[in-house]
Every structure is written in C-alpha cells, then in structure tokens.
Amino acid sequence: MTAQELAHKIGIILDDKKAKDIEVIDVSEKTILADYFVIASGTSTTHVKALSDEVEFMLKEQDRRLADHVEGHDSSRWILLDYGDVVVHVFHTEERDFYSLDKLWRLSRNKDQI
C-alpha cells in the first residue's frame, strides 16, 4: 500500500467514526518527517481517543500494520499516530484551533479533503 493509499484509508476510517474536518495533506516536498499528514478533530476527549483507537484497530486487523509511535493517549487532547510515511493527528477541536497544524502545512498545493 502506498503512502497516499494509506492516508486515504485512514481518512475513511476517521470519517466512518464521525471525525470532524478531516484533511489529508501531502507534505512530502516540505519535510522528511512523513509523506502525508492526516489531521482530524474529535468533539470530546472520549471521541478523540475512540478515533485514534479505531485507526489503530482497523490498520492492525486489516493490514497487520502497527503504529511506529503513539503520543497523547494520556490526555486525549491531541493524539499522534506515526505510521512512518503517514502521521495521523487527532485533535480535540480547541487544540486544533490553537496549534493550527493544517494551516501551517496547507501551504502545500497538494491537499485533499475527505
């Protein structure tokens, strides 16, 4: 599975769990951190955790793929799932507004919206 296919699949998983404002951003020419960022919002800390848990579960079950690194489960205000070429950011709406990662990375013209 290519990085683009993985990012799109993650976007669909998040959409199925009612994530808000899902963006898939191609950052391959902007950073060496990843090829794609998937950014989404949850409406509460419970929702943020459920969204990230669902991504982890579905990728493990369907693709036998585990995140290389996970951050933020303790607070569930911003959970980061690092799949190497795709990094997933699941935010509580307040944190997303504050950090504005999508606005920072939107400078790239290669942005898709789910």
Protein backbone atom coordinates (compact mmCIF):
# COMPACT_ATOMS: atom_id res chain seq x y z
CA MET A 1 0.00 0.00 0.00
CA THR A 2 1.40 3.39 -0.95
CA ALA A 3 1.56 6.28 1.49
CA GLN A 4 -1.22 8.02 -0.43
CA GLU A 5 -3.46 4.94 -0.24
CA LEU A 6 -2.76 4.56 3.48
CA ALA A 7 -3.53 8.22 4.16
CA HIS A 8 -6.78 7.97 2.22
CA LYS A 9 -7.76 4.77 4.06
CA ILE A 10 -7.10 6.44 7.42
CA GLY A 11 -9.27 9.36 6.33
CA ILE A 12 -12.12 6.95 5.55
CA ILE A 13 -11.73 5.19 8.91
CA LEU A 14 -11.91 8.55 10.69
CA ASP A 15 -14.91 9.62 8.63
CA ASP A 16 -16.74 6.40 9.50
CA LYS A 17 -16.27 7.26 13.19
CA LYS A 18 -17.66 10.78 12.67
CA ALA A 19 -14.39 12.71 12.89
CA LYS A 20 -14.71 16.38 12.00
CA ASP A 21 -12.77 18.42 9.42
CA ILE A 22 -10.62 15.58 8.09
CA GLU A 23 -7.70 16.72 5.95
CA VAL A 24 -5.11 14.66 4.12
CA ILE A 25 -2.12 16.85 3.36
CA ASP A 26 0.80 15.89 1.12
CA VAL A 27 3.90 17.11 2.94
CA SER A 28 6.42 15.00 1.00
CA GLU A 29 8.12 18.03 -0.54
CA LYS A 30 8.01 20.08 2.67
CA THR A 31 9.52 17.73 5.27
CA ILE A 32 11.30 14.43 5.76
CA LEU A 33 9.03 13.57 8.69
CA ALA A 34 6.38 11.92 6.52
CA ASP A 35 4.80 11.93 3.09
CA TYR A 36 1.28 12.67 4.37
CA PHE A 37 -0.33 14.16 7.44
CA VAL A 38 -3.89 13.17 8.23
CA ILE A 39 -5.49 15.73 10.54
CA ALA A 40 -8.91 15.32 12.13
CA SER A 41 -10.91 16.60 15.09
CA GLY A 42 -12.98 14.92 17.75
CA THR A 43 -15.72 16.61 19.73
CA SER A 44 -14.55 15.42 23.17
CA THR A 45 -11.59 13.64 24.73
CA THR A 46 -13.60 10.41 24.58
CA HIS A 47 -14.23 10.93 20.87
CA VAL A 48 -10.55 11.76 20.20
CA LYS A 49 -9.48 8.54 21.92
CA ALA A 50 -12.13 6.49 20.10
CA LEU A 51 -10.97 7.89 16.75
CA SER A 52 -7.32 7.06 17.34
CA ASP A 53 -8.20 3.64 18.76
CA GLU A 54 -10.27 2.86 15.66
CA VAL A 55 -7.43 3.79 13.31
CA GLU A 56 -5.04 1.58 15.27
CA PHE A 57 -7.53 -1.30 15.42
CA MET A 58 -8.53 -1.23 11.75
CA LEU A 59 -4.97 -0.98 10.43
CA LYS A 60 -3.85 -3.80 12.71
CA GLU A 61 -6.81 -6.03 11.81
CA GLN A 62 -6.99 -5.35 8.09
CA ASP A 63 -3.38 -4.63 7.16
CA ARG A 64 -1.36 -6.05 10.07
CA ARG A 65 0.14 -2.61 10.42
CA LEU A 66 1.13 -1.14 13.78
CA ALA A 67 1.99 2.46 14.53
CA ASP A 68 5.71 3.06 14.95
CA HIS A 69 4.95 5.53 17.72
CA VAL A 70 1.90 6.86 19.58
CA GLU A 71 1.73 10.03 21.68
CA GLY A 72 -1.01 11.72 23.68
CA HIS A 73 -3.22 8.89 24.91
CA ASP A 74 -2.89 10.17 28.49
CA SER A 75 -4.67 13.46 27.87
CA SER A 76 -6.60 12.56 24.69
CA ARG A 77 -6.50 16.20 23.61
CA TRP A 78 -4.04 15.57 20.75
CA ILE A 79 -3.14 12.04 19.80
CA LEU A 80 -0.41 11.42 17.26
CA LEU A 81 -0.10 8.09 15.44
CA ASP A 82 3.13 7.68 13.48
CA TYR A 83 2.96 5.15 10.66
CA GLY A 84 6.27 6.23 9.15
CA ASP A 85 5.20 7.68 5.83
CA VAL A 86 1.84 8.80 7.24
CA VAL A 87 1.41 10.70 10.51
CA VAL A 88 -2.09 10.99 11.97
CA HIS A 89 -3.02 13.91 14.23
CA VAL A 90 -6.34 13.55 16.05
CA PHE A 91 -7.17 16.74 17.92
CA HIS A 92 -9.77 17.98 20.32
CA THR A 93 -11.27 20.97 18.49
CA GLU A 94 -9.75 23.50 20.91
CA GLU A 95 -6.22 22.14 20.44
CA ARG A 96 -6.62 22.02 16.69
CA ASP A 97 -7.61 25.68 16.63
CA PHE A 98 -4.69 26.59 18.89
CA TYR A 99 -1.93 24.69 17.08
CA SER A 100 -3.29 25.22 13.53
CA LEU A 101 -1.18 22.45 12.01
CA ASP A 102 -3.43 22.21 8.99
CA LYS A 103 -2.98 25.93 8.30
CA LEU A 104 0.78 25.62 8.71
CA TRP A 105 1.04 22.68 6.31
CA ARG A 106 -1.69 23.90 3.95
CA LEU A 107 0.98 25.92 2.21
CA SER A 108 1.31 22.81 0.07
CA ARG A 109 -0.91 22.81 -3.02
CA ASN A 110 -1.33 19.05 -2.80
CA LYS A 111 -4.11 18.98 -0.19
CA ASP A 112 -7.09 16.66 -0.35
CA GLN A 113 -10.11 16.91 1.84
CA ILE A 114 -12.21 13.90 2.82
